[in-house]
Amino acid sequence: MSGAPETAPPPVRCGIGGIGLLGPGLAGWAASEAVLAGMAPWQEAAPAVPPPAMLAPAERRRASLVVRLALAAAGEAVAGSGLAPEALDTVFASSNGDGAVVGAILDALATPGGDVSPTLFHNSVHNAAAGYWGIGAGSMRPSVSLGCHDDTFPLGLLQAATGVAAWGRPVLFCAYDAPLNPPLDACRPTAVPFALAMLLLPEGADGARATLGLRHRPEAPATEAAPRSALRTTLEEANPAARALPLLEALAARKPARLAWPLLDGMGLEAELSPC
């Protein structure tokens, strides 16, 4: 056996194009850049989650809060990119799925003679948001929906970036979560709604604002030494999708950054961000 040290695999690389964002005090990417860059104070306020204009009236009425939240962020990320929504592969990532809908179904099942609404059942699957996006965009492109508990954002990002690198085409990535209703909220506290989306592009493609390199590591990253902003301190504890905030802050600051997220089983994900 050779005594030469093992070399780390090369990072998975992609570009970051359009960004969408919706959360407390974060009313869209353009309106939030100064806050994320530390140039304006963060003022916590409940987000106004709009009805999805991309859906026909019938689907719009059936869309739950979680679906509306995800589609708002995804739509903002794609808007202005010059890319057709129906041409994009997608990755939708949520830790909780539509917990409010699942809770309503469980309540109905626990009620003597209770009937489950077909609309609730339709919205209860984990890929509901991806399905509504496909309907609204008229897309038949491949789509992945995943959930990985607290690691949903970093692993969803890795899934999407790997797709870009493997197939050489853009991927729309969206991570989102919303509060659950009692009694499920006691099992999985999620205090606020939060969603972000990124249009990931092949490396070197036009329209990228930054280049991202991702590397999965067999060990957990060191504990972050720098103090967190009030925004991160509040939201990262309140919603698993808000683990995206370090990356969003670095993008807003338009500076190179090295980031890392701990994962299950003592592993980690490293990221290197370079503005274009």
C-alpha atoms as a PDB file:
ATOM      1  CA  MET A   1       0.000   0.000   0.000  1.00  0.00           C
ATOM      2  CA  SER A   2       1.195   3.503  -0.779  1.00  0.00           C
ATOM      3  CA  GLY A   3       1.932   5.799   2.123  1.00  0.00           C
ATOM      4  CA  ALA A   4       0.890   8.864   0.149  1.00  0.00           C
ATOM      5  CA  PRO A   5      -1.865  10.900   1.835  1.00  0.00           C
ATOM      6  CA  GLU A   6      -5.319  10.705   0.325  1.00  0.00           C
ATOM      7  CA  THR A   7      -6.281  13.718  -1.735  1.00  0.00           C
ATOM      8  CA  ALA A   8      -9.635  15.356  -1.158  1.00  0.00           C
ATOM      9  CA  PRO A   9     -12.100  15.062  -4.036  1.00  0.00           C
ATOM     10  CA  PRO A  10     -12.605  18.238  -6.060  1.00  0.00           C
ATOM     11  CA  PRO A  11     -15.519  20.426  -4.993  1.00  0.00           C
ATOM     12  CA  VAL A  12     -18.837  20.428  -6.795  1.00  0.00           C
ATOM     13  CA  ARG A  13     -18.973  23.803  -8.549  1.00  0.00           C
ATOM     14  CA  CYS A  14     -21.793  25.905  -9.929  1.00  0.00           C
ATOM     15  CA  GLY A  15     -22.820  29.519 -10.355  1.00  0.00           C
ATOM     16  CA  ILE A  16     -25.535  31.324  -8.424  1.00  0.00           C
ATOM     17  CA  GLY A  17     -27.905  33.435 -10.492  1.00  0.00           C
ATOM     18  CA  GLY A  18     -31.246  34.764  -9.313  1.00  0.00           C
ATOM     19  CA  ILE A  19     -32.230  34.612  -5.640  1.00  0.00           C
ATOM     20  CA  GLY A  20     -35.635  34.595  -3.969  1.00  0.00           C
ATOM     21  CA  LEU A  21     -36.302  35.180  -0.283  1.00  0.00           C
ATOM     22  CA  LEU A  22     -39.280  35.529   2.032  1.00  0.00           C
ATOM     23  CA  GLY A  23     -39.244  35.542   5.819  1.00  0.00           C
ATOM     24  CA  PRO A  24     -39.744  37.740   8.889  1.00  0.00           C
ATOM     25  CA  GLY A  25     -38.480  41.212   8.003  1.00  0.00           C
ATOM     26  CA  LEU A  26     -37.201  39.880   4.667  1.00  0.00           C
ATOM     27  CA  ALA A  27     -39.691  40.857   1.970  1.00  0.00           C
ATOM     28  CA  GLY A  28     -37.824  39.588  -1.072  1.00  0.00           C
ATOM     29  CA  TRP A  29     -34.155  39.505  -2.062  1.00  0.00           C
ATOM     30  CA  ALA A  30     -33.887  43.033  -3.457  1.00  0.00           C
ATOM     31  CA  ALA A  31     -35.549  44.529  -0.379  1.00  0.00           C
ATOM     32  CA  SER A  32     -33.365  42.475   1.970  1.00  0.00           C
ATOM     33  CA  GLU A  33     -29.852  42.841   0.528  1.00  0.00           C
ATOM     34  CA  ALA A  34     -28.920  45.838   2.683  1.00  0.00           C
ATOM     35  CA  VAL A  35     -30.167  44.087   5.822  1.00  0.00           C
ATOM     36  CA  LEU A  36     -28.296  40.881   5.017  1.00  0.00           C
ATOM     37  CA  ALA A  37     -25.122  42.849   4.258  1.00  0.00           C
ATOM     38  CA  GLY A  38     -25.326  44.582   7.648  1.00  0.00           C
ATOM     39  CA  MET A  39     -25.970  47.983   6.074  1.00  0.00           C
ATOM     40  CA  ALA A  40     -29.513  48.364   7.425  1.00  0.00           C
ATOM     41  CA  PRO A  41     -31.143  47.183  10.669  1.00  0.00           C
ATOM     42  CA  TRP A  42     -33.279  44.068  10.675  1.00  0.00           C
ATOM     43  CA  GLN A  43     -36.811  44.670  11.899  1.00  0.00           C
ATOM     44  CA  GLU A  44     -38.742  41.492  12.557  1.00  0.00           C
ATOM     45  CA  ALA A  45     -42.185  41.541  10.947  1.00  0.00           C
ATOM     46  CA  ALA A  46     -44.462  38.772   9.759  1.00  0.00           C
ATOM     47  CA  PRO A  47     -44.010  38.197   6.014  1.00  0.00           C
ATOM     48  CA  ALA A  48     -46.897  38.767   3.636  1.00  0.00           C
ATOM     49  CA  VAL A  49     -47.121  35.553   1.615  1.00  0.00           C
ATOM     50  CA  PRO A  50     -48.803  36.326  -1.714  1.00  0.00           C
ATOM     51  CA  PRO A  51     -51.110  33.999  -3.657  1.00  0.00           C
ATOM     52  CA  PRO A  52     -49.182  32.365  -6.513  1.00  0.00           C
ATOM     53  CA  ALA A  53     -49.920  34.368  -9.650  1.00  0.00           C
ATOM     54  CA  MET A  54     -48.521  31.515 -11.759  1.00  0.00           C
ATOM     55  CA  LEU A  55     -51.424  29.247 -10.770  1.00  0.00           C
ATOM     56  CA  ALA A  56     -54.891  29.199 -12.261  1.00  0.00           C
ATOM     57  CA  PRO A  57     -57.665  30.356  -9.870  1.00  0.00           C
ATOM     58  CA  ALA A  58     -58.687  26.805  -8.910  1.00  0.00           C
ATOM     59  CA  GLU A  59     -55.146  25.746  -7.965  1.00  0.00           C
ATOM     60  CA  ARG A  60     -54.536  29.111  -6.311  1.00  0.00           C
ATOM     61  CA  ARG A  61     -57.450  28.537  -3.938  1.00  0.00           C
ATOM     62  CA  ARG A  62     -56.138  25.092  -3.005  1.00  0.00           C
ATOM     63  CA  ALA A  63     -52.558  26.228  -2.388  1.00  0.00           C
ATOM     64  CA  SER A  64     -51.595  26.079   1.291  1.00  0.00           C
ATOM     65  CA  LEU A  65     -49.310  28.488   3.145  1.00  0.00           C
ATOM     66  CA  VAL A  66     -46.317  26.216   2.572  1.00  0.00           C
ATOM     67  CA  VAL A  67     -46.970  26.032  -1.171  1.00  0.00           C
ATOM     68  CA  ARG A  68     -47.479  29.800  -1.438  1.00  0.00           C
ATOM     69  CA  LEU A  69     -44.300  30.414   0.543  1.00  0.00           C
ATOM     70  CA  ALA A  70     -42.181  28.143  -1.653  1.00  0.00           C
ATOM     71  CA  LEU A  71     -43.602  29.443  -4.925  1.00  0.00           C
ATOM     72  CA  ALA A  72     -43.055  33.072  -3.888  1.00  0.00           C
ATOM     73  CA  ALA A  73     -39.332  32.481  -3.336  1.00  0.00           C
ATOM     74  CA  ALA A  74     -38.933  30.262  -6.395  1.00  0.00           C
ATOM     75  CA  GLY A  75     -40.732  32.734  -8.633  1.00  0.00           C
ATOM     76  CA  GLU A  76     -38.520  35.612  -7.494  1.00  0.00           C
ATOM     77  CA  ALA A  77     -35.356  33.606  -8.169  1.00  0.00           C
ATOM     78  CA  VAL A  78     -36.402  32.851 -11.743  1.00  0.00           C
ATOM     79  CA  ALA A  79     -37.882  36.278 -12.560  1.00  0.00           C
ATOM     80  CA  GLY A  80     -35.566  38.363 -14.683  1.00  0.00           C
ATOM     81  CA  SER A  81     -33.189  35.477 -15.373  1.00  0.00           C
ATOM     82  CA  GLY A  82     -34.200  35.167 -19.006  1.00  0.00           C
ATOM     83  CA  LEU A  83     -34.689  31.428 -18.462  1.00  0.00           C
ATOM     84  CA  ALA A  84     -38.046  29.786 -19.037  1.00  0.00           C
ATOM     85  CA  PRO A  85     -39.469  28.325 -15.792  1.00  0.00           C
ATOM     86  CA  GLU A  86     -40.734  25.272 -17.653  1.00  0.00           C
ATOM     87  CA  ALA A  87     -37.183  24.457 -18.804  1.00  0.00           C
ATOM     88  CA  LEU A  88     -35.661  24.183 -15.314  1.00  0.00           C
ATOM     89  CA  ASP A  89     -34.898  21.065 -13.308  1.00  0.00           C
ATOM     90  CA  THR A  90     -35.903  21.654  -9.686  1.00  0.00           C
ATOM     91  CA  VAL A  91     -34.979  20.627  -6.148  1.00  0.00           C
ATOM     92  CA  PHE A  92     -37.505  21.481  -3.433  1.00  0.00           C
ATOM     93  CA  ALA A  93     -36.315  20.903   0.135  1.00  0.00           C
ATOM     94  CA  SER A  94     -38.407  21.065   3.303  1.00  0.00           C
ATOM     95  CA  SER A  95     -37.782  19.689   6.773  1.00  0.00           C
ATOM     96  CA  ASN A  96     -41.446  19.612   7.819  1.00  0.00           C
ATOM     97  CA  GLY A  97     -43.334  19.358   4.549  1.00  0.00           C
ATOM     98  CA  ASP A  98     -46.843  20.704   4.971  1.00  0.00           C
ATOM     99  CA  GLY A  99     -47.219  19.968   8.668  1.00  0.00           C
ATOM    100  CA  ALA A 100     -50.364  22.065   9.020  1.00  0.00           C
ATOM    101  CA  VAL A 101     -52.101  19.969   6.360  1.00  0.00           C
ATOM    102  CA  VAL A 102     -50.896  16.704   7.877  1.00  0.00           C
ATOM    103  CA  GLY A 103     -52.122  17.880  11.285  1.00  0.00           C
ATOM    104  CA  ALA A 104     -55.551  18.699   9.861  1.00  0.00           C
ATOM    105  CA  ILE A 105     -55.769  15.206   8.352  1.00  0.00           C
ATOM    106  CA  LEU A 106     -54.826  13.604  11.661  1.00  0.00           C
ATOM    107  CA  ASP A 107     -57.448  15.704  13.442  1.00  0.00           C
ATOM    108  CA  ALA A 108     -60.075  14.526  10.953  1.00  0.00           C
ATOM    109  CA  LEU A 109     -59.065  10.886  11.368  1.00  0.00           C
ATOM    110  CA  ALA A 110     -59.278  11.220  15.149  1.00  0.00           C
ATOM    111  CA  THR A 111     -62.826  12.589  14.956  1.00  0.00           C
ATOM    112  CA  PRO A 112     -65.635   9.985  14.947  1.00  0.00           C
ATOM    113  CA  GLY A 113     -67.117   9.976  11.472  1.00  0.00           C
ATOM    114  CA  GLY A 114     -64.545  12.516  10.305  1.00  0.00           C
ATOM    115  CA  ASP A 115     -63.856  12.666   6.593  1.00  0.00           C
ATOM    116  CA  VAL A 116     -60.536  13.651   5.062  1.00  0.00           C
ATOM    117  CA  SER A 117     -60.830  16.414   2.497  1.00  0.00           C
ATOM    118  CA  PRO A 118     -59.485  15.358  -0.926  1.00  0.00           C
ATOM    119  CA  THR A 119     -57.763  18.735  -1.153  1.00  0.00           C
ATOM    120  CA  LEU A 120     -55.992  18.152   2.167  1.00  0.00           C
ATOM    121  CA  PHE A 121     -54.873  14.715   1.047  1.00  0.00           C
ATOM    122  CA  HIS A 122     -53.652  16.183  -2.250  1.00  0.00           C
ATOM    123  CA  ASN A 123     -51.577  18.789  -0.367  1.00  0.00           C
ATOM    124  CA  SER A 124     -50.172  16.403   2.250  1.00  0.00           C
ATOM    125  CA  VAL A 125     -47.476  14.778   0.104  1.00  0.00           C
ATOM    126  CA  HIS A 126     -43.923  16.027   0.508  1.00  0.00           C
ATOM    127  CA  ASN A 127     -43.644  17.056  -3.140  1.00  0.00           C
ATOM    128  CA  ALA A 128     -46.792  19.222  -3.111  1.00  0.00           C
ATOM    129  CA  ALA A 129     -44.859  22.471  -3.608  1.00  0.00           C
ATOM    130  CA  ALA A 130     -42.862  20.956  -6.468  1.00  0.00           C
ATOM    131  CA  GLY A 131     -46.090  19.696  -8.007  1.00  0.00           C
ATOM    132  CA  TYR A 132     -47.738  23.102  -7.889  1.00  0.00           C
ATOM    133  CA  TRP A 133     -44.604  24.648  -9.417  1.00  0.00           C
ATOM    134  CA  GLY A 134     -44.732  22.106 -12.228  1.00  0.00           C
ATOM    135  CA  ILE A 135     -48.419  22.861 -12.832  1.00  0.00           C
ATOM    136  CA  GLY A 136     -47.926  26.627 -12.798  1.00  0.00           C
ATOM    137  CA  ALA A 137     -44.798  26.575 -14.949  1.00  0.00           C
ATOM    138  CA  GLY A 138     -46.099  23.897 -17.297  1.00  0.00           C
ATOM    139  CA  SER A 139     -42.919  21.947 -16.602  1.00  0.00           C
ATOM    140  CA  MET A 140     -42.184  18.290 -17.308  1.00  0.00           C
ATOM    141  CA  ARG A 141     -38.563  18.585 -16.163  1.00  0.00           C
ATOM    142  CA  PRO A 142     -37.007  16.300 -13.518  1.00  0.00           C
ATOM    143  CA  SER A 143     -37.753  17.339  -9.944  1.00  0.00           C
ATOM    144  CA  VAL A 144     -36.468  16.159  -6.562  1.00  0.00           C
ATOM    145  CA  SER A 145     -38.248  16.785  -3.250  1.00  0.00           C
ATOM    146  CA  LEU A 146     -36.325  15.943  -0.098  1.00  0.00           C
ATOM    147  CA  GLY A 147     -36.382  16.361   3.650  1.00  0.00           C
ATOM    148  CA  CYS A 148     -33.368  15.874   5.949  1.00  0.00           C
ATOM    149  CA  HIS A 149     -34.491  17.320   9.308  1.00  0.00           C
ATOM    150  CA  ASP A 150     -32.119  20.121  10.365  1.00  0.00           C
ATOM    151  CA  ASP A 151     -29.767  19.333   7.472  1.00  0.00           C
ATOM    152  CA  THR A 152     -32.384  19.958   4.791  1.00  0.00           C
ATOM    153  CA  PHE A 153     -30.892  23.216   3.479  1.00  0.00           C
ATOM    154  CA  PRO A 154     -27.239  22.149   3.101  1.00  0.00           C
ATOM    155  CA  LEU A 155     -28.094  18.725   1.685  1.00  0.00           C
ATOM    156  CA  GLY A 156     -30.719  20.179  -0.642  1.00  0.00           C
ATOM    157  CA  LEU A 157     -28.131  22.674  -1.874  1.00  0.00           C
ATOM    158  CA  LEU A 158     -25.644  19.846  -2.448  1.00  0.00           C
ATOM    159  CA  GLN A 159     -28.279  17.841  -4.331  1.00  0.00           C
ATOM    160  CA  ALA A 160     -29.057  20.787  -6.614  1.00  0.00           C
ATOM    161  CA  ALA A 161     -25.411  21.720  -7.221  1.00  0.00           C
ATOM    162  CA  THR A 162     -24.566  18.108  -8.033  1.00  0.00           C
ATOM    163  CA  GLY A 163     -27.322  18.102 -10.639  1.00  0.00           C
ATOM    164  CA  VAL A 164     -25.896  21.235 -12.249  1.00  0.00           C
ATOM    165  CA  ALA A 165     -22.382  19.788 -12.335  1.00  0.00           C
ATOM    166  CA  ALA A 166     -23.502  16.382 -13.598  1.00  0.00           C
ATOM    167  CA  TRP A 167     -25.852  17.486 -16.362  1.00  0.00           C
ATOM    168  CA  GLY A 168     -24.529  20.922 -17.267  1.00  0.00           C
ATOM    169  CA  ARG A 169     -27.890  22.658 -17.038  1.00  0.00           C
ATOM    170  CA  PRO A 170     -29.515  25.095 -14.572  1.00  0.00           C
ATOM    171  CA  VAL A 171     -31.352  23.837 -11.502  1.00  0.00           C
ATOM    172  CA  LEU A 172     -33.829  25.826  -9.434  1.00  0.00           C
ATOM    173  CA  PHE A 173     -33.279  25.116  -5.726  1.00  0.00           C
ATOM    174  CA  CYS A 174     -35.880  26.085  -3.119  1.00  0.00           C
ATOM    175  CA  ALA A 175     -35.790  25.446   0.649  1.00  0.00           C
ATOM    176  CA  TYR A 176     -38.776  26.338   2.812  1.00  0.00           C
ATOM    177  CA  ASP A 177     -40.597  25.584   6.055  1.00  0.00           C
ATOM    178  CA  ALA A 178     -43.576  26.954   7.957  1.00  0.00           C
ATOM    179  CA  PRO A 179     -44.896  26.550  11.516  1.00  0.00           C
ATOM    180  CA  LEU A 180     -46.829  23.435  12.480  1.00  0.00           C
ATOM    181  CA  ASN A 181     -50.131  23.488  14.341  1.00  0.00           C
ATOM    182  CA  PRO A 182     -50.669  21.991  17.824  1.00  0.00           C
ATOM    183  CA  PRO A 183     -49.962  19.343  18.958  1.00  0.00           C
ATOM    184  CA  LEU A 184     -47.313  18.670  16.274  1.00  0.00           C
ATOM    185  CA  ASP A 185     -45.579  21.972  17.013  1.00  0.00           C
ATOM    186  CA  ALA A 186     -44.445  20.597  20.370  1.00  0.00           C
ATOM    187  CA  CYS A 187     -42.592  17.802  18.565  1.00  0.00           C
ATOM    188  CA  ARG A 188     -41.013  20.031  15.934  1.00  0.00           C
ATOM    189  CA  PRO A 189     -40.928  23.701  16.966  1.00  0.00           C
ATOM    190  CA  THR A 190     -40.850  25.977  13.915  1.00  0.00           C
ATOM    191  CA  ALA A 191     -41.668  29.498  14.993  1.00  0.00           C
ATOM    192  CA  VAL A 192     -41.790  31.433  11.708  1.00  0.00           C
ATOM    193  CA  PRO A 193     -42.233  30.877   7.959  1.00  0.00           C
ATOM    194  CA  PHE A 194     -39.080  31.147   5.852  1.00  0.00           C
ATOM    195  CA  ALA A 195     -38.218  30.336   2.241  1.00  0.00           C
ATOM    196  CA  LEU A 196     -35.316  30.951  -0.086  1.00  0.00           C
ATOM    197  CA  ALA A 197     -34.596  29.954  -3.657  1.00  0.00           C
ATOM    198  CA  MET A 198     -31.513  30.086  -5.851  1.00  0.00           C
ATOM    199  CA  LEU A 199     -31.113  29.570  -9.557  1.00  0.00           C
ATOM    200  CA  LEU A 200     -27.951  27.480  -9.815  1.00  0.00           C
ATOM    201  CA  LEU A 201     -26.087  27.691 -13.122  1.00  0.00           C
ATOM    202  CA  PRO A 202     -23.300  25.724 -14.810  1.00  0.00           C
ATOM    203  CA  GLU A 203     -19.897  27.119 -13.880  1.00  0.00           C
ATOM    204  CA  GLY A 204     -18.953  29.994 -16.178  1.00  0.00           C
ATOM    205  CA  ALA A 205     -22.500  30.594 -17.415  1.00  0.00           C
ATOM    206  CA  ASP A 206     -23.711  34.122 -18.073  1.00  0.00           C
ATOM    207  CA  GLY A 207     -25.864  35.701 -15.392  1.00  0.00           C
ATOM    208  CA  ALA A 208     -24.035  34.322 -12.351  1.00  0.00           C
ATOM    209  CA  ARG A 209     -23.464  36.686  -9.429  1.00  0.00           C
ATOM    210  CA  ALA A 210     -21.102  34.267  -7.666  1.00  0.00           C
ATOM    211  CA  THR A 211     -19.381  30.910  -8.019  1.00  0.00           C
ATOM    212  CA  LEU A 212     -20.032  28.277  -5.362  1.00  0.00           C
ATOM    213  CA  GLY A 213     -17.868  25.263  -4.566  1.00  0.00           C
ATOM    214  CA  LEU A 214     -19.234  22.561  -2.244  1.00  0.00           C
ATOM    215  CA  ARG A 215     -17.376  19.688  -0.611  1.00  0.00           C
ATOM    216  CA  HIS A 216     -18.839  17.001   1.660  1.00  0.00           C
ATOM    217  CA  ARG A 217     -16.546  16.268   4.591  1.00  0.00           C
ATOM    218  CA  PRO A 218     -16.364  13.170   6.827  1.00  0.00           C
ATOM    219  CA  GLU A 219     -15.885  15.356   9.898  1.00  0.00           C
ATOM    220  CA  ALA A 220     -17.947  18.153  11.418  1.00  0.00           C
ATOM    221  CA  PRO A 221     -16.698  21.727  10.931  1.00  0.00           C
ATOM    222  CA  ALA A 222     -15.199  23.674  13.802  1.00  0.00           C
ATOM    223  CA  THR A 223     -17.578  25.752  15.871  1.00  0.00           C
ATOM    224  CA  GLU A 224     -18.132  29.162  14.309  1.00  0.00           C
ATOM    225  CA  ALA A 225     -16.016  31.745  16.115  1.00  0.00           C
ATOM    226  CA  ALA A 226     -17.464  34.975  14.737  1.00  0.00           C
ATOM    227  CA  PRO A 227     -20.567  36.330  16.485  1.00  0.00           C
ATOM    228  CA  ARG A 228     -23.820  35.830  14.614  1.00  0.00           C
ATOM    229  CA  SER A 229     -26.005  38.735  13.573  1.00  0.00           C
ATOM    230  CA  ALA A 230     -29.291  39.299  15.414  1.00  0.00           C
ATOM    231  CA  LEU A 231     -31.025  38.141  12.265  1.00  0.00           C
ATOM    232  CA  ARG A 232     -29.237  34.789  12.292  1.00  0.00           C
ATOM    233  CA  THR A 233     -29.478  34.352  16.049  1.00  0.00           C
ATOM    234  CA  THR A 234     -33.254  34.674  15.858  1.00  0.00           C
ATOM    235  CA  LEU A 235     -34.151  32.944  12.614  1.00  0.00           C
ATOM    236  CA  GLU A 236     -31.713  30.027  12.570  1.00  0.00           C
ATOM    237  CA  GLU A 237     -33.273  28.811  15.803  1.00  0.00           C
ATOM    238  CA  ALA A 238     -36.788  29.410  14.505  1.00  0.00           C
ATOM    239  CA  ASN A 239     -36.758  27.666  11.118  1.00  0.00           C
ATOM    240  CA  PRO A 240     -34.436  24.989   9.656  1.00  0.00           C
ATOM    241  CA  ALA A 241     -34.505  26.605   6.200  1.00  0.00           C
ATOM    242  CA  ALA A 242     -32.909  29.703   7.746  1.00  0.00           C
ATOM    243  CA  ARG A 243     -29.629  27.798   7.970  1.00  0.00           C
ATOM    244  CA  ALA A 244     -29.181  29.382   4.539  1.00  0.00           C
ATOM    245  CA  LEU A 245     -28.570  32.780   6.150  1.00  0.00           C
ATOM    246  CA  PRO A 246     -24.738  32.604   6.280  1.00  0.00           C
ATOM    247  CA  LEU A 247     -24.704  32.044   2.518  1.00  0.00           C
ATOM    248  CA  LEU A 248     -27.303  34.751   1.919  1.00  0.00           C
ATOM    249  CA  GLU A 249     -25.344  37.240   4.043  1.00  0.00           C
ATOM    250  CA  ALA A 250     -22.156  36.474   2.105  1.00  0.00           C
ATOM    251  CA  LEU A 251     -23.961  36.913  -1.216  1.00  0.00           C
ATOM    252  CA  ALA A 252     -25.412  40.237  -0.088  1.00  0.00           C
ATOM    253  CA  ALA A 253     -21.986  41.470   1.067  1.00  0.00           C
ATOM    254  CA  ARG A 254     -20.512  40.488  -2.324  1.00  0.00           C
ATOM    255  CA  LYS A 255     -17.310  39.258  -0.736  1.00  0.00           C
ATOM    256  CA  PRO A 256     -15.485  35.918  -0.883  1.00  0.00           C
ATOM    257  CA  ALA A 257     -16.467  33.615   1.959  1.00  0.00           C
ATOM    258  CA  ARG A 258     -15.741  30.178   3.370  1.00  0.00           C
ATOM    259  CA  LEU A 259     -18.738  28.590   5.051  1.00  0.00           C
ATOM    260  CA  ALA A 260     -19.537  25.263   6.671  1.00  0.00           C
ATOM    261  CA  TRP A 261     -22.574  23.429   7.995  1.00  0.00           C
ATOM    262  CA  PRO A 262     -22.538  20.478  10.398  1.00  0.00           C
ATOM    263  CA  LEU A 263     -24.445  17.417   9.210  1.00  0.00           C
ATOM    264  CA  LEU A 264     -25.742  14.265  10.841  1.00  0.00           C
ATOM    265  CA  ASP A 265     -23.334  11.538  11.970  1.00  0.00           C
ATOM    266  CA  GLY A 266     -20.541  14.014  12.661  1.00  0.00           C
ATOM    267  CA  MET A 267     -20.057  15.047   9.031  1.00  0.00           C
ATOM    268  CA  GLY A 268     -20.084  18.455   7.384  1.00  0.00           C
ATOM    269  CA  LEU A 269     -20.514  20.462   4.202  1.00  0.00           C
ATOM    270  CA  GLU A 270     -17.943  23.091   3.235  1.00  0.00           C
ATOM    271  CA  ALA A 271     -18.658  25.926   0.828  1.00  0.00           C
ATOM    272  CA  GLU A 272     -16.396  28.433  -0.901  1.00  0.00           C
ATOM    273  CA  LEU A 273     -18.106  31.491  -2.382  1.00  0.00           C
ATOM    274  CA  SER A 274     -16.457  33.811  -4.916  1.00  0.00           C
ATOM    275  CA  PRO A 275     -18.333  36.847  -6.312  1.00  0.00           C
ATOM    276  CA  CYS A 276     -18.285  37.213 -10.091  1.00  0.00           C
END
